[in-house]
């Protein structure tokens, strides 16, 4: 889909308390097609609490899905309310045995 677009940069929004190291990083990242990108994770040092504090301090409204019990929001097919109240990301890819859609995961091989 993006093969013809001259992309060189991937901006990831995952927080440090999710699936990435808790530091801002710029990493080499290869797509399954072999295309090389630079992946930046500017929120890697933020926690969920940091995000909510920033929203409140800057008058930014939260997505309405949070009011419906969602605790981790991604794309439509991988987002549902959490199934485990102790794991806010348990609603991601429910029933598929994974918590990431794949764009944050470096292909092996």
C-alpha atoms as a PDB file:
ATOM      1  CA  UNK A   1       0.000   0.000   0.000  1.00  0.00           C
ATOM      2  CA  UNK A   2       2.776   2.465   0.899  1.00  0.00           C
ATOM      3  CA  UNK A   3       5.426   1.013  -1.396  1.00  0.00           C
ATOM      4  CA  UNK A   4       5.180   3.878  -3.871  1.00  0.00           C
ATOM      5  CA  UNK A   5       5.212   6.631  -1.230  1.00  0.00           C
ATOM      6  CA  UNK A   6       8.726   7.872  -0.375  1.00  0.00           C
ATOM      7  CA  UNK A   7       8.358   7.460   3.395  1.00  0.00           C
ATOM      8  CA  UNK A   8      11.528   7.480   5.484  1.00  0.00           C
ATOM      9  CA  UNK A   9      10.178   8.125   8.982  1.00  0.00           C
ATOM     10  CA  UNK A  10       7.776   6.279  11.306  1.00  0.00           C
ATOM     11  CA  UNK A  11       6.368   8.219  14.262  1.00  0.00           C
ATOM     12  CA  UNK A  12       5.230   5.815  16.997  1.00  0.00           C
ATOM     13  CA  UNK A  13       2.861   6.924  19.755  1.00  0.00           C
ATOM     14  CA  UNK A  14       3.385   4.070  22.213  1.00  0.00           C
ATOM     15  CA  UNK A  15       4.096   5.091  25.794  1.00  0.00           C
ATOM     16  CA  UNK A  16       7.021   3.831  27.841  1.00  0.00           C
ATOM     17  CA  UNK A  17       4.757   1.830  30.144  1.00  0.00           C
ATOM     18  CA  UNK A  18       3.333  -0.092  27.199  1.00  0.00           C
ATOM     19  CA  UNK A  19       5.654  -2.073  24.954  1.00  0.00           C
ATOM     20  CA  UNK A  20       8.716   0.067  24.346  1.00  0.00           C
ATOM     21  CA  UNK A  21      11.765   1.084  26.365  1.00  0.00           C
ATOM     22  CA  UNK A  22      11.023   4.079  28.589  1.00  0.00           C
ATOM     23  CA  UNK A  23      13.234   6.500  26.682  1.00  0.00           C
ATOM     24  CA  UNK A  24      12.875   8.659  23.625  1.00  0.00           C
ATOM     25  CA  UNK A  25      14.493   6.812  20.788  1.00  0.00           C
ATOM     26  CA  UNK A  26      15.326   6.970  17.104  1.00  0.00           C
ATOM     27  CA  UNK A  27      15.762   3.466  15.761  1.00  0.00           C
ATOM     28  CA  UNK A  28      16.309   1.798  12.426  1.00  0.00           C
ATOM     29  CA  UNK A  29      13.170  -0.103  11.475  1.00  0.00           C
ATOM     30  CA  UNK A  30      12.550  -2.412   8.526  1.00  0.00           C
ATOM     31  CA  UNK A  31       9.087  -3.049   7.161  1.00  0.00           C
ATOM     32  CA  UNK A  32       8.199  -6.589   6.045  1.00  0.00           C
ATOM     33  CA  UNK A  33       8.793  -5.362   2.482  1.00  0.00           C
ATOM     34  CA  UNK A  34      12.419  -4.631   3.398  1.00  0.00           C
ATOM     35  CA  UNK A  35      11.949  -0.836   3.232  1.00  0.00           C
ATOM     36  CA  UNK A  36      14.105   0.843   5.899  1.00  0.00           C
ATOM     37  CA  UNK A  37      12.683   3.651   8.040  1.00  0.00           C
ATOM     38  CA  UNK A  38      13.766   5.682  11.033  1.00  0.00           C
ATOM     39  CA  UNK A  39      11.316   5.065  13.866  1.00  0.00           C
ATOM     40  CA  UNK A  40      10.888   7.809  16.474  1.00  0.00           C
ATOM     41  CA  UNK A  41       9.136   7.276  19.795  1.00  0.00           C
ATOM     42  CA  UNK A  42       8.749  10.778  21.280  1.00  0.00           C
ATOM     43  CA  UNK A  43       6.319   9.654  24.006  1.00  0.00           C
ATOM     44  CA  UNK A  44       8.432   6.715  25.181  1.00  0.00           C
ATOM     45  CA  UNK A  45       9.272   8.471  28.449  1.00  0.00           C
ATOM     46  CA  UNK A  46       5.604   9.316  29.157  1.00  0.00           C
ATOM     47  CA  UNK A  47       3.190   7.258  31.270  1.00  0.00           C
ATOM     48  CA  UNK A  48      -0.573   7.068  30.901  1.00  0.00           C
ATOM     49  CA  UNK A  49      -0.810   9.451  33.871  1.00  0.00           C
ATOM     50  CA  UNK A  50       1.433  11.944  32.020  1.00  0.00           C
ATOM     51  CA  UNK A  51      -0.929  11.868  29.030  1.00  0.00           C
ATOM     52  CA  UNK A  52      -4.029  12.515  31.167  1.00  0.00           C
ATOM     53  CA  UNK A  53      -2.250  15.340  33.016  1.00  0.00           C
ATOM     54  CA  UNK A  54      -1.231  16.912  29.695  1.00  0.00           C
ATOM     55  CA  UNK A  55      -4.785  16.688  28.336  1.00  0.00           C
ATOM     56  CA  UNK A  56      -6.173  18.344  31.474  1.00  0.00           C
ATOM     57  CA  UNK A  57      -3.485  21.062  31.659  1.00  0.00           C
ATOM     58  CA  UNK A  58      -4.009  22.001  28.007  1.00  0.00           C
ATOM     59  CA  UNK A  59      -7.800  21.699  27.783  1.00  0.00           C
ATOM     60  CA  UNK A  60      -7.641  18.866  25.249  1.00  0.00           C
ATOM     61  CA  UNK A  61     -10.749  16.651  25.230  1.00  0.00           C
ATOM     62  CA  UNK A  62     -10.246  12.901  25.534  1.00  0.00           C
ATOM     63  CA  UNK A  63     -11.728  10.510  22.999  1.00  0.00           C
ATOM     64  CA  UNK A  64     -15.319   9.586  23.923  1.00  0.00           C
ATOM     65  CA  UNK A  65     -14.396   5.878  23.922  1.00  0.00           C
ATOM     66  CA  UNK A  66     -12.682   6.385  27.290  1.00  0.00           C
ATOM     67  CA  UNK A  67     -16.069   7.278  28.803  1.00  0.00           C
ATOM     68  CA  UNK A  68     -17.382   3.943  27.474  1.00  0.00           C
ATOM     69  CA  UNK A  69     -14.743   1.953  29.392  1.00  0.00           C
ATOM     70  CA  UNK A  70     -11.998   1.663  26.783  1.00  0.00           C
ATOM     71  CA  UNK A  71      -8.519   2.026  28.287  1.00  0.00           C
ATOM     72  CA  UNK A  72      -6.270   1.492  25.242  1.00  0.00           C
ATOM     73  CA  UNK A  73      -7.381   2.770  21.858  1.00  0.00           C
ATOM     74  CA  UNK A  74      -5.921   1.792  18.514  1.00  0.00           C
ATOM     75  CA  UNK A  75      -7.408   1.026  15.143  1.00  0.00           C
ATOM     76  CA  UNK A  76     -10.999  -0.232  14.913  1.00  0.00           C
ATOM     77  CA  UNK A  77     -10.382  -3.976  14.498  1.00  0.00           C
ATOM     78  CA  UNK A  78      -7.961  -4.180  17.445  1.00  0.00           C
ATOM     79  CA  UNK A  79      -9.805  -2.021  19.976  1.00  0.00           C
ATOM     80  CA  UNK A  80     -12.386  -3.165  22.501  1.00  0.00           C
ATOM     81  CA  UNK A  81     -12.960  -2.542  26.211  1.00  0.00           C
ATOM     82  CA  UNK A  82     -10.427  -4.385  28.411  1.00  0.00           C
ATOM     83  CA  UNK A  83     -11.254  -7.961  29.350  1.00  0.00           C
ATOM     84  CA  UNK A  84      -8.914  -7.885  32.386  1.00  0.00           C
ATOM     85  CA  UNK A  85      -9.461  -4.873  34.679  1.00  0.00           C
ATOM     86  CA  UNK A  86      -5.857  -5.179  35.906  1.00  0.00           C
ATOM     87  CA  UNK A  87      -4.461  -4.896  32.366  1.00  0.00           C
ATOM     88  CA  UNK A  88      -5.544  -1.736  30.499  1.00  0.00           C
ATOM     89  CA  UNK A  89      -4.227  -3.147  27.186  1.00  0.00           C
ATOM     90  CA  UNK A  90      -6.136  -6.437  27.478  1.00  0.00           C
ATOM     91  CA  UNK A  91      -8.766  -5.121  25.076  1.00  0.00           C
ATOM     92  CA  UNK A  92      -6.238  -4.834  22.268  1.00  0.00           C
ATOM     93  CA  UNK A  93      -6.535  -7.626  19.708  1.00  0.00           C
ATOM     94  CA  UNK A  94      -8.773  -9.575  22.092  1.00  0.00           C
ATOM     95  CA  UNK A  95      -8.725 -13.299  21.422  1.00  0.00           C
ATOM     96  CA  UNK A  96      -5.694 -13.081  19.138  1.00  0.00           C
ATOM     97  CA  UNK A  97      -2.956 -13.566  21.760  1.00  0.00           C
ATOM     98  CA  UNK A  98      -1.203 -10.284  21.059  1.00  0.00           C
ATOM     99  CA  UNK A  99      -1.260  -6.673  22.260  1.00  0.00           C
ATOM    100  CA  UNK A 100       0.280  -4.916  19.232  1.00  0.00           C
ATOM    101  CA  UNK A 101      -1.061  -4.565  15.706  1.00  0.00           C
ATOM    102  CA  UNK A 102       2.407  -5.108  14.311  1.00  0.00           C
ATOM    103  CA  UNK A 103       3.675  -1.701  13.220  1.00  0.00           C
ATOM    104  CA  UNK A 104       5.730  -1.362  16.422  1.00  0.00           C
ATOM    105  CA  UNK A 105       7.260  -4.818  16.100  1.00  0.00           C
ATOM    106  CA  UNK A 106      10.446  -5.353  14.112  1.00  0.00           C
ATOM    107  CA  UNK A 107      10.041  -8.332  11.750  1.00  0.00           C
ATOM    108  CA  UNK A 108      12.280 -11.258  12.625  1.00  0.00           C
ATOM    109  CA  UNK A 109      14.516 -12.873  10.071  1.00  0.00           C
END
